[in-house]
């Protein structure tokens, strides 16, 4: 019989989920597939299993389960789809096939999370508005609209992704609290090893072995949207000039060197370290998010108001 995953990293994006996924994969008693984000159970969000275009055939449940064929009988199997926490269907769908599933959610201070998510959307060419304040102001006009290159219209509703209590309740409605582990991003960043060992215990595997600390998917800034679009056009051969450049590159360079060259251009010319945050905007966001942080503190019985500095926001 096909193997159904035993656990899921369900969210959030930009909260250390990639690092956690890579660190868990190193444990000999844990199996996680090479594909990090199947998104199979988020039937309301785009994925290869739930395409939004009629000309793209959907993959099947059997295709999804085949991702875990490499798991040994004595291993726990899991996957990481951080947008499950955003989905309104994922928790129920997971519970239907695996009621004993364990889920891991990582929560980050909302203002810094929104800022990091905006950088990510720019890097992925989903967002074109480089100013975060303006991007947030555009949220009402973007409801129901599909941004370029993205099949999910709600992805740019930045502030809507911070409804942490509502998101956790969807999982607690289908699983006992003991099966849903909530990690605070600050704790993970402060002590990766201790957090990962705690997750090992949660998953029921040996927590005494070595832990390799990794940092993955750091927040970066896209320096110039127009320059990025030009580089993308050349890489994809869009336009007569771009096709000429690409044909020339193909003729003189092997594919690995072309890819390395493209990545070098991205690192040196297109991407850079994030600028310091707009403190006025951060304060406005923290005022806006304070009720959510207070509700989350009550829900988790943990004083995140003080930990995240919201007690100084008035």
Protein backbone atom coordinates (compact mmCIF):
# COMPACT_ATOMS: atom_id res chain seq x y z
CA UNK A 1 0.00 0.00 0.00
CA UNK A 2 1.13 3.57 -0.66
CA UNK A 3 2.54 5.53 2.24
CA UNK A 4 0.55 8.48 3.60
CA UNK A 5 2.70 11.15 5.30
CA UNK A 6 2.85 11.11 9.08
CA UNK A 7 3.58 14.81 9.56
CA UNK A 8 3.35 18.15 7.78
CA UNK A 9 5.19 21.47 8.03
CA UNK A 10 2.14 23.64 7.37
CA UNK A 11 3.48 27.21 7.59
CA UNK A 12 4.23 30.02 7.44
CA UNK A 13 6.30 30.97 4.40
CA UNK A 14 9.30 33.19 5.26
CA UNK A 15 9.38 31.82 8.81
CA UNK A 16 12.20 29.28 8.62
CA UNK A 17 10.18 26.45 7.06
CA UNK A 18 12.81 25.78 4.38
CA UNK A 19 15.58 25.53 6.96
CA UNK A 20 13.46 23.24 9.15
CA UNK A 21 12.61 21.04 6.15
CA UNK A 22 16.29 20.67 5.24
CA UNK A 23 17.36 19.99 8.83
CA UNK A 24 14.69 17.35 9.38
CA UNK A 25 15.66 15.59 6.15
CA UNK A 26 19.11 14.93 7.59
CA UNK A 27 17.72 12.74 10.39
CA UNK A 28 18.02 9.02 9.53
CA UNK A 29 14.60 8.26 11.01
CA UNK A 30 12.81 10.91 8.92
CA UNK A 31 11.93 10.81 5.23
CA UNK A 32 10.92 13.93 3.33
CA UNK A 33 10.74 14.04 -0.49
CA UNK A 34 12.88 16.24 -2.71
CA UNK A 35 9.79 18.21 -3.70
CA UNK A 36 9.38 20.64 -0.82
CA UNK A 37 5.90 22.04 -1.54
CA UNK A 38 3.45 19.56 -3.03
CA UNK A 39 0.44 21.54 -1.72
CA UNK A 40 -1.74 18.53 -2.51
CA UNK A 41 -4.17 18.95 0.39
CA UNK A 42 -4.71 22.68 -0.22
CA UNK A 43 -7.44 22.06 -2.76
CA UNK A 44 -8.34 25.76 -2.77
CA UNK A 45 -4.82 26.89 -3.77
CA UNK A 46 -2.86 26.34 -6.99
CA UNK A 47 -0.58 23.32 -7.22
CA UNK A 48 0.42 20.69 -9.75
CA UNK A 49 -2.38 18.61 -8.23
CA UNK A 50 -5.00 21.33 -8.55
CA UNK A 51 -4.25 23.38 -11.67
CA UNK A 52 -6.18 26.53 -12.47
CA UNK A 53 -5.85 26.23 -16.24
CA UNK A 54 -7.96 23.76 -18.21
CA UNK A 55 -5.07 22.96 -20.57
CA UNK A 56 -2.87 21.65 -17.72
CA UNK A 57 -3.72 18.11 -16.60
CA UNK A 58 -3.86 17.55 -12.85
CA UNK A 59 -1.67 14.99 -11.18
CA UNK A 60 -3.38 12.35 -9.06
CA UNK A 61 -3.44 11.32 -5.43
CA UNK A 62 -1.37 8.30 -6.44
CA UNK A 63 1.24 10.66 -7.92
CA UNK A 64 1.33 12.52 -4.61
CA UNK A 65 1.70 9.35 -2.53
CA UNK A 66 4.49 8.19 -4.83
CA UNK A 67 6.61 11.02 -3.41
CA UNK A 68 6.91 8.93 -0.24
CA UNK A 69 7.77 5.59 -1.87
CA UNK A 70 11.34 5.97 -0.66
CA UNK A 71 10.38 6.00 3.01
CA UNK A 72 11.56 2.98 4.96
CA UNK A 73 9.11 1.20 7.28
CA UNK A 74 10.98 2.47 10.35
CA UNK A 75 11.00 6.09 9.18
CA UNK A 76 8.38 8.76 9.77
CA UNK A 77 7.41 10.45 6.51
CA UNK A 78 6.53 14.09 6.12
CA UNK A 79 6.28 16.99 3.73
CA UNK A 80 6.50 20.78 3.88
CA UNK A 81 3.84 22.93 2.21
CA UNK A 82 3.92 26.22 4.14
CA UNK A 83 0.81 27.57 2.43
CA UNK A 84 -1.30 24.88 4.10
CA UNK A 85 -1.69 27.35 6.97
CA UNK A 86 -3.35 29.79 4.51
CA UNK A 87 -5.63 27.15 3.01
CA UNK A 88 -9.23 26.77 4.16
CA UNK A 89 -9.34 23.11 3.11
CA UNK A 90 -5.93 21.61 3.92
CA UNK A 91 -6.53 20.72 7.58
CA UNK A 92 -9.80 18.91 6.86
CA UNK A 93 -8.34 17.13 3.82
CA UNK A 94 -5.31 15.94 5.80
CA UNK A 95 -7.49 14.72 8.67
CA UNK A 96 -9.61 12.73 6.26
CA UNK A 97 -6.71 10.51 5.15
CA UNK A 98 -4.38 10.79 8.17
CA UNK A 99 -6.20 11.58 11.44
CA UNK A 100 -3.01 10.84 13.40
CA UNK A 101 -1.03 13.45 11.44
CA UNK A 102 1.20 15.84 13.30
CA UNK A 103 1.47 19.40 12.02
CA UNK A 104 4.13 22.06 12.61
CA UNK A 105 3.40 25.78 12.25
CA UNK A 106 5.93 28.59 12.67
CA UNK A 107 4.60 32.04 13.56
CA UNK A 108 6.51 35.30 13.14
CA UNK A 109 5.91 38.81 14.46
CA UNK A 110 3.31 40.07 11.96
CA UNK A 111 4.90 43.35 10.79
CA UNK A 112 8.29 41.78 10.05
CA UNK A 113 6.52 38.81 8.46
CA UNK A 114 4.56 41.03 6.07
CA UNK A 115 7.73 42.91 5.13
CA UNK A 116 9.64 39.69 4.45
CA UNK A 117 6.74 38.23 2.46
CA UNK A 118 6.66 41.36 0.28
CA UNK A 119 10.37 40.89 -0.52
CA UNK A 120 9.65 37.27 -1.40
CA UNK A 121 6.83 38.20 -3.78
CA UNK A 122 9.14 40.71 -5.50
CA UNK A 123 11.89 38.12 -5.79
CA UNK A 124 9.44 35.63 -7.32
CA UNK A 125 8.24 38.27 -9.81
CA UNK A 126 4.68 38.05 -8.50
CA UNK A 127 4.72 41.55 -7.02
CA UNK A 128 5.65 44.61 -9.11
CA UNK A 129 5.07 47.30 -6.49
CA UNK A 130 8.39 47.76 -4.70
CA UNK A 131 7.01 50.04 -1.97
CA UNK A 132 5.43 47.99 0.82
CA UNK A 133 3.12 50.79 1.96
CA UNK A 134 1.75 51.16 -1.55
CA UNK A 135 1.42 47.37 -1.93
CA UNK A 136 -0.70 47.23 1.23
CA UNK A 137 -2.81 50.15 0.02
CA UNK A 138 -3.46 48.18 -3.18
CA UNK A 139 -4.88 45.17 -1.33
CA UNK A 140 -8.57 46.18 -1.72
CA UNK A 141 -8.14 46.70 -5.47
CA UNK A 142 -6.48 43.30 -5.85
CA UNK A 143 -9.28 41.21 -4.37
CA UNK A 144 -10.27 38.63 -6.96
CA UNK A 145 -7.60 39.72 -9.43
CA UNK A 146 -4.81 37.43 -10.54
CA UNK A 147 -1.38 39.07 -10.43
CA UNK A 148 1.00 38.42 -13.32
CA UNK A 149 2.51 34.97 -13.12
CA UNK A 150 0.35 33.87 -10.20
CA UNK A 151 -2.78 31.76 -10.34
CA UNK A 152 -3.95 32.62 -6.83
CA UNK A 153 -5.50 36.08 -6.49
CA UNK A 154 -5.19 36.29 -2.68
CA UNK A 155 -1.41 35.83 -2.60
CA UNK A 156 -0.77 39.60 -2.49
CA UNK A 157 -3.22 40.21 0.37
CA UNK A 158 -0.29 40.60 2.76
CA UNK A 159 -2.14 41.68 5.88
CA UNK A 160 -4.73 38.94 5.41
CA UNK A 161 -2.04 36.29 5.96
CA UNK A 162 -1.55 37.37 9.59
CA UNK A 163 -4.82 35.99 10.97
CA UNK A 164 -2.90 33.48 13.05
CA UNK A 165 -5.64 32.47 15.46
CA UNK A 166 -8.12 31.77 12.68
CA UNK A 167 -5.49 29.69 10.87
CA UNK A 168 -4.63 27.62 13.95
CA UNK A 169 -8.29 27.03 14.74
CA UNK A 170 -8.74 25.37 11.37
CA UNK A 171 -6.18 22.75 12.38
CA UNK A 172 -7.42 22.45 15.96
CA UNK A 173 -10.91 21.82 14.61
CA UNK A 174 -9.66 18.55 13.11
CA UNK A 175 -6.72 17.55 15.32
CA UNK A 176 -6.08 17.51 19.08
CA UNK A 177 -3.77 20.30 20.21
CA UNK A 178 -1.13 17.71 21.10
CA UNK A 179 -0.83 16.95 17.37
CA UNK A 180 -0.26 20.58 16.32
CA UNK A 181 3.09 22.07 17.31
CA UNK A 182 3.37 25.87 17.21
CA UNK A 183 6.90 27.30 17.00
CA UNK A 184 7.65 30.97 17.48
CA UNK A 185 10.08 32.16 14.82
CA UNK A 186 12.19 34.10 17.35
CA UNK A 187 12.84 30.89 19.31
CA UNK A 188 13.87 29.05 16.15
CA UNK A 189 16.26 31.83 15.10
CA UNK A 190 17.72 32.16 18.59
CA UNK A 191 18.45 28.44 19.03
CA UNK A 192 18.03 26.33 15.91
CA UNK A 193 19.42 23.20 17.52
CA UNK A 194 17.15 23.25 20.59
CA UNK A 195 14.08 23.89 18.44
CA UNK A 196 14.90 21.07 16.04
CA UNK A 197 15.54 18.64 18.90
CA UNK A 198 12.15 19.61 20.29
CA UNK A 199 10.61 18.83 16.90
CA UNK A 200 12.39 15.47 16.88
CA UNK A 201 10.70 14.65 20.17
CA UNK A 202 7.34 15.81 18.80
CA UNK A 203 7.76 13.43 15.85
CA UNK A 204 8.86 10.54 18.05
CA UNK A 205 12.37 10.12 16.64
CA UNK A 206 15.75 10.04 18.38
CA UNK A 207 16.53 13.56 19.62
CA UNK A 208 20.01 12.79 20.90
CA UNK A 209 22.01 12.69 17.67
CA UNK A 210 23.92 15.51 15.99
CA UNK A 211 21.99 18.43 14.52
CA UNK A 212 23.38 20.35 11.54
CA UNK A 213 22.28 23.97 11.79
CA UNK A 214 21.26 25.44 8.44
CA UNK A 215 20.06 28.82 7.22
CA UNK A 216 17.96 28.80 4.06
CA UNK A 217 15.92 31.14 1.88
CA UNK A 218 17.12 34.41 3.46
CA UNK A 219 15.17 37.61 2.87
CA UNK A 220 16.68 39.57 -0.03
CA UNK A 221 15.80 42.76 -1.88
CA UNK A 222 15.16 43.02 -5.60
CA UNK A 223 17.18 46.08 -6.62
CA UNK A 224 15.46 46.89 -9.92
CA UNK A 225 12.24 45.37 -11.26
CA UNK A 226 12.86 46.52 -14.85
CA UNK A 227 16.40 45.07 -14.90
CA UNK A 228 15.06 41.82 -13.48
CA UNK A 229 12.45 41.67 -16.24
CA UNK A 230 15.17 42.20 -18.86
CA UNK A 231 17.31 39.40 -17.45
CA UNK A 232 14.25 37.15 -17.28
CA UNK A 233 13.41 37.96 -20.93
CA UNK A 234 16.92 36.93 -22.01
CA UNK A 235 16.78 33.74 -19.91
CA UNK A 236 13.41 32.81 -21.46
CA UNK A 237 14.28 34.02 -24.95
CA UNK A 238 11.46 36.57 -25.07
CA UNK A 239 11.85 38.97 -27.98
CA UNK A 240 14.13 38.96 -31.04
CA UNK A 241 17.16 40.46 -29.26
CA UNK A 242 16.78 38.14 -26.28
CA UNK A 243 16.50 35.10 -28.55
CA UNK A 244 19.70 36.12 -30.37
CA UNK A 245 21.57 36.50 -27.08
CA UNK A 246 20.28 33.15 -25.83
CA UNK A 247 21.20 31.34 -29.07
CA UNK A 248 24.71 32.76 -28.86
CA UNK A 249 25.05 31.71 -25.22
CA UNK A 250 23.83 28.20 -26.06
CA UNK A 251 26.37 27.93 -28.85
CA UNK A 252 29.39 28.78 -26.70
CA UNK A 253 28.43 27.74 -23.16
CA UNK A 254 27.18 24.45 -21.69
CA UNK A 255 23.92 24.60 -19.76
CA UNK A 256 25.48 24.43 -16.24
CA UNK A 257 27.68 27.46 -17.02
CA UNK A 258 24.74 29.38 -18.47
CA UNK A 259 22.74 28.71 -15.31
CA UNK A 260 25.64 29.75 -13.10
CA UNK A 261 26.01 32.95 -15.12
CA UNK A 262 22.31 33.75 -14.72
CA UNK A 263 22.49 33.15 -10.98
CA UNK A 264 25.64 35.31 -10.72
CA UNK A 265 23.85 38.19 -12.45
CA UNK A 266 20.98 37.81 -10.01
CA UNK A 267 23.26 37.85 -6.97
CA UNK A 268 25.48 40.74 -8.06
CA UNK A 269 23.16 43.02 -9.99
CA UNK A 270 19.55 42.22 -9.11
CA UNK A 271 19.50 41.07 -5.50
CA UNK A 272 20.86 42.78 -2.41
CA UNK A 273 20.43 42.99 1.33
CA UNK A 274 17.12 44.50 2.44
CA UNK A 275 17.12 48.19 3.24
CA UNK A 276 16.30 49.19 6.83
CA UNK A 277 12.54 49.05 7.43
CA UNK A 278 10.35 52.14 7.21
CA UNK A 279 9.91 52.64 10.95
CA UNK A 280 6.78 54.77 10.54
CA UNK A 281 5.15 52.05 8.46
CA UNK A 282 6.28 49.35 10.89
CA UNK A 283 4.65 51.24 13.74
CA UNK A 284 1.41 51.61 11.77
CA UNK A 285 1.41 47.88 11.05
CA UNK A 286 2.09 46.99 14.67
CA UNK A 287 -0.81 49.18 15.78
CA UNK A 288 -2.96 47.43 13.21
CA UNK A 289 -1.82 43.94 14.24
CA UNK A 290 -1.92 44.46 18.02
CA UNK A 291 -5.44 42.97 18.43
CA UNK A 292 -4.33 39.86 16.55
CA UNK A 293 -1.21 39.51 18.71
CA UNK A 294 -3.28 39.90 21.87
CA UNK A 295 -5.72 37.25 20.63
CA UNK A 296 -2.84 34.92 19.76
CA UNK A 297 -1.29 35.41 23.20
CA UNK A 298 -4.59 34.37 24.81
CA UNK A 299 -5.01 31.46 22.43
CA UNK A 300 -1.52 30.05 23.01
CA UNK A 301 -1.33 31.12 26.67
CA UNK A 302 1.97 32.84 25.94
CA UNK A 303 2.77 36.54 26.30
CA UNK A 304 3.68 37.39 22.73
CA UNK A 305 2.54 40.98 23.31
CA UNK A 306 5.63 41.52 25.47
CA UNK A 307 7.93 39.19 23.51
CA UNK A 308 7.20 40.99 20.23
CA UNK A 309 7.29 44.44 21.81
CA UNK A 310 3.61 45.20 21.33
CA UNK A 311 3.30 46.31 24.94
CA UNK A 312 5.18 49.46 23.84
CA UNK A 313 2.76 50.12 20.97
CA UNK A 314 0.05 52.63 21.79
